[in-house]
Amino acid sequence: MLKVFGGFSFNQHQITGQQIYHAREFFGKLHHDLAESYGESARPVQLVKNIIETIDHLRNHLGEVVCTENPDREDWELDQCYYSVGD
């Protein structure tokens, strides 16, 4: 029998958006610090750059998912989940 997944609740999307925001900030700072110490072409710097790109890809994908799962929400509410998250 196939298991059907219901997806995240809107509140779960909001919490996930905040977590992604903080992870992106952390890795952005780490990238900057590593690049200053080792240069932009160093392997650790490139690995962190890949992490940031993956986080951005995840955020964009989940931004689309939250819109699909919550068609009754206002656009600004949906945008705030993954694109306007603050502390």
C-alpha atoms as a PDB file:
ATOM      1  CA  MET A   1       0.000   0.000   0.000  1.00  0.00           C
ATOM      2  CA  LEU A   2       1.285   3.474  -0.867  1.00  0.00           C
ATOM      3  CA  LYS A   3       1.736   5.944   1.927  1.00  0.00           C
ATOM      4  CA  VAL A   4       0.327   9.377   1.172  1.00  0.00           C
ATOM      5  CA  PHE A   5       2.166  12.312   2.701  1.00  0.00           C
ATOM      6  CA  GLY A   6       0.118  15.339   3.673  1.00  0.00           C
ATOM      7  CA  GLY A   7       2.986  17.810   3.572  1.00  0.00           C
ATOM      8  CA  PHE A   8       3.904  20.469   6.102  1.00  0.00           C
ATOM      9  CA  SER A   9       1.417  22.603   7.933  1.00  0.00           C
ATOM     10  CA  PHE A  10       1.741  26.327   7.288  1.00  0.00           C
ATOM     11  CA  ASN A  11       3.304  26.710  10.745  1.00  0.00           C
ATOM     12  CA  GLN A  12       5.909  24.045   9.896  1.00  0.00           C
ATOM     13  CA  HIS A  13       6.795  25.987   6.747  1.00  0.00           C
ATOM     14  CA  GLN A  14       7.241  29.156   8.829  1.00  0.00           C
ATOM     15  CA  ILE A  15       9.529  27.390  11.311  1.00  0.00           C
ATOM     16  CA  THR A  16      11.497  25.704   8.521  1.00  0.00           C
ATOM     17  CA  GLY A  17      11.908  29.051   6.784  1.00  0.00           C
ATOM     18  CA  GLN A  18      13.410  30.533   9.944  1.00  0.00           C
ATOM     19  CA  GLN A  19      15.783  27.589  10.314  1.00  0.00           C
ATOM     20  CA  ILE A  20      16.881  27.877   6.684  1.00  0.00           C
ATOM     21  CA  TYR A  21      17.405  31.617   7.130  1.00  0.00           C
ATOM     22  CA  HIS A  22      19.677  31.070  10.136  1.00  0.00           C
ATOM     23  CA  ALA A  23      21.594  28.258   8.424  1.00  0.00           C
ATOM     24  CA  ARG A  24      22.125  30.506   5.376  1.00  0.00           C
ATOM     25  CA  GLU A  25      23.427  33.290   7.613  1.00  0.00           C
ATOM     26  CA  PHE A  26      25.785  30.919   9.443  1.00  0.00           C
ATOM     27  CA  PHE A  27      27.256  29.440   6.271  1.00  0.00           C
ATOM     28  CA  GLY A  28      27.460  32.860   4.630  1.00  0.00           C
ATOM     29  CA  LYS A  29      29.612  34.127   7.496  1.00  0.00           C
ATOM     30  CA  LEU A  30      31.691  30.949   7.471  1.00  0.00           C
ATOM     31  CA  HIS A  31      32.253  31.339   3.725  1.00  0.00           C
ATOM     32  CA  HIS A  32      33.410  34.925   4.216  1.00  0.00           C
ATOM     33  CA  ASP A  33      35.767  34.000   7.070  1.00  0.00           C
ATOM     34  CA  LEU A  34      37.249  31.018   5.222  1.00  0.00           C
ATOM     35  CA  ALA A  35      37.704  33.007   2.013  1.00  0.00           C
ATOM     36  CA  GLU A  36      39.568  35.735   3.886  1.00  0.00           C
ATOM     37  CA  SER A  37      41.849  33.171   5.513  1.00  0.00           C
ATOM     38  CA  TYR A  38      42.418  30.692   2.686  1.00  0.00           C
ATOM     39  CA  GLY A  39      41.381  32.382  -0.541  1.00  0.00           C
ATOM     40  CA  GLU A  40      38.312  31.896  -2.690  1.00  0.00           C
ATOM     41  CA  SER A  41      39.674  28.845  -4.538  1.00  0.00           C
ATOM     42  CA  ALA A  42      40.473  26.790  -1.410  1.00  0.00           C
ATOM     43  CA  ARG A  43      38.596  23.504  -1.117  1.00  0.00           C
ATOM     44  CA  PRO A  44      36.864  24.346   2.206  1.00  0.00           C
ATOM     45  CA  VAL A  45      35.644  27.639   0.745  1.00  0.00           C
ATOM     46  CA  GLN A  46      34.258  25.874  -2.315  1.00  0.00           C
ATOM     47  CA  LEU A  47      32.528  23.246  -0.159  1.00  0.00           C
ATOM     48  CA  VAL A  48      30.805  25.922   1.916  1.00  0.00           C
ATOM     49  CA  LYS A  49      29.841  27.733  -1.284  1.00  0.00           C
ATOM     50  CA  ASN A  50      28.167  24.505  -2.456  1.00  0.00           C
ATOM     51  CA  ILE A  51      26.309  24.255   0.848  1.00  0.00           C
ATOM     52  CA  ILE A  52      25.011  27.814   0.420  1.00  0.00           C
ATOM     53  CA  GLU A  53      23.875  27.058  -3.122  1.00  0.00           C
ATOM     54  CA  THR A  54      22.086  23.927  -1.886  1.00  0.00           C
ATOM     55  CA  ILE A  55      20.391  25.900   0.901  1.00  0.00           C
ATOM     56  CA  ASP A  56      19.234  28.467  -1.665  1.00  0.00           C
ATOM     57  CA  HIS A  57      17.910  25.700  -3.914  1.00  0.00           C
ATOM     58  CA  LEU A  58      16.045  24.145  -0.967  1.00  0.00           C
ATOM     59  CA  ARG A  59      14.555  27.508   0.005  1.00  0.00           C
ATOM     60  CA  ASN A  60      13.374  28.129  -3.549  1.00  0.00           C
ATOM     61  CA  HIS A  61      11.850  24.665  -3.835  1.00  0.00           C
ATOM     62  CA  LEU A  62      10.058  24.919  -0.497  1.00  0.00           C
ATOM     63  CA  GLY A  63       8.867  28.401  -1.470  1.00  0.00           C
ATOM     64  CA  GLU A  64       7.068  26.776  -4.399  1.00  0.00           C
ATOM     65  CA  VAL A  65       5.758  23.922  -2.233  1.00  0.00           C
ATOM     66  CA  VAL A  66       4.250  26.241   0.395  1.00  0.00           C
ATOM     67  CA  CYS A  67       2.347  28.051  -2.367  1.00  0.00           C
ATOM     68  CA  THR A  68       1.009  24.796  -3.765  1.00  0.00           C
ATOM     69  CA  GLU A  69       0.002  23.456  -0.349  1.00  0.00           C
ATOM     70  CA  ASN A  70      -1.655  26.698   0.793  1.00  0.00           C
ATOM     71  CA  PRO A  71      -3.550  28.206  -2.143  1.00  0.00           C
ATOM     72  CA  ASP A  72      -5.936  29.995   0.239  1.00  0.00           C
ATOM     73  CA  ARG A  73      -3.163  32.100   1.837  1.00  0.00           C
ATOM     74  CA  GLU A  74      -2.267  35.625   0.757  1.00  0.00           C
ATOM     75  CA  ASP A  75       0.882  36.022  -1.362  1.00  0.00           C
ATOM     76  CA  TRP A  76       2.650  38.095   1.304  1.00  0.00           C
ATOM     77  CA  GLU A  77       2.073  35.336   3.900  1.00  0.00           C
ATOM     78  CA  LEU A  78       3.549  32.739   1.582  1.00  0.00           C
ATOM     79  CA  ASP A  79       6.536  34.940   0.700  1.00  0.00           C
ATOM     80  CA  GLN A  80       7.310  35.507   4.374  1.00  0.00           C
ATOM     81  CA  CYS A  81       7.829  31.794   4.979  1.00  0.00           C
ATOM     82  CA  TYR A  82      11.035  31.536   2.952  1.00  0.00           C
ATOM     83  CA  TYR A  83      11.931  34.972   1.601  1.00  0.00           C
ATOM     84  CA  SER A  84      11.258  37.580   4.289  1.00  0.00           C
ATOM     85  CA  VAL A  85      12.303  35.724   7.397  1.00  0.00           C
ATOM     86  CA  GLY A  86      14.035  37.645  10.147  1.00  0.00           C
ATOM     87  CA  ASP A  87      15.084  37.049  13.707  1.00  0.00           C
END
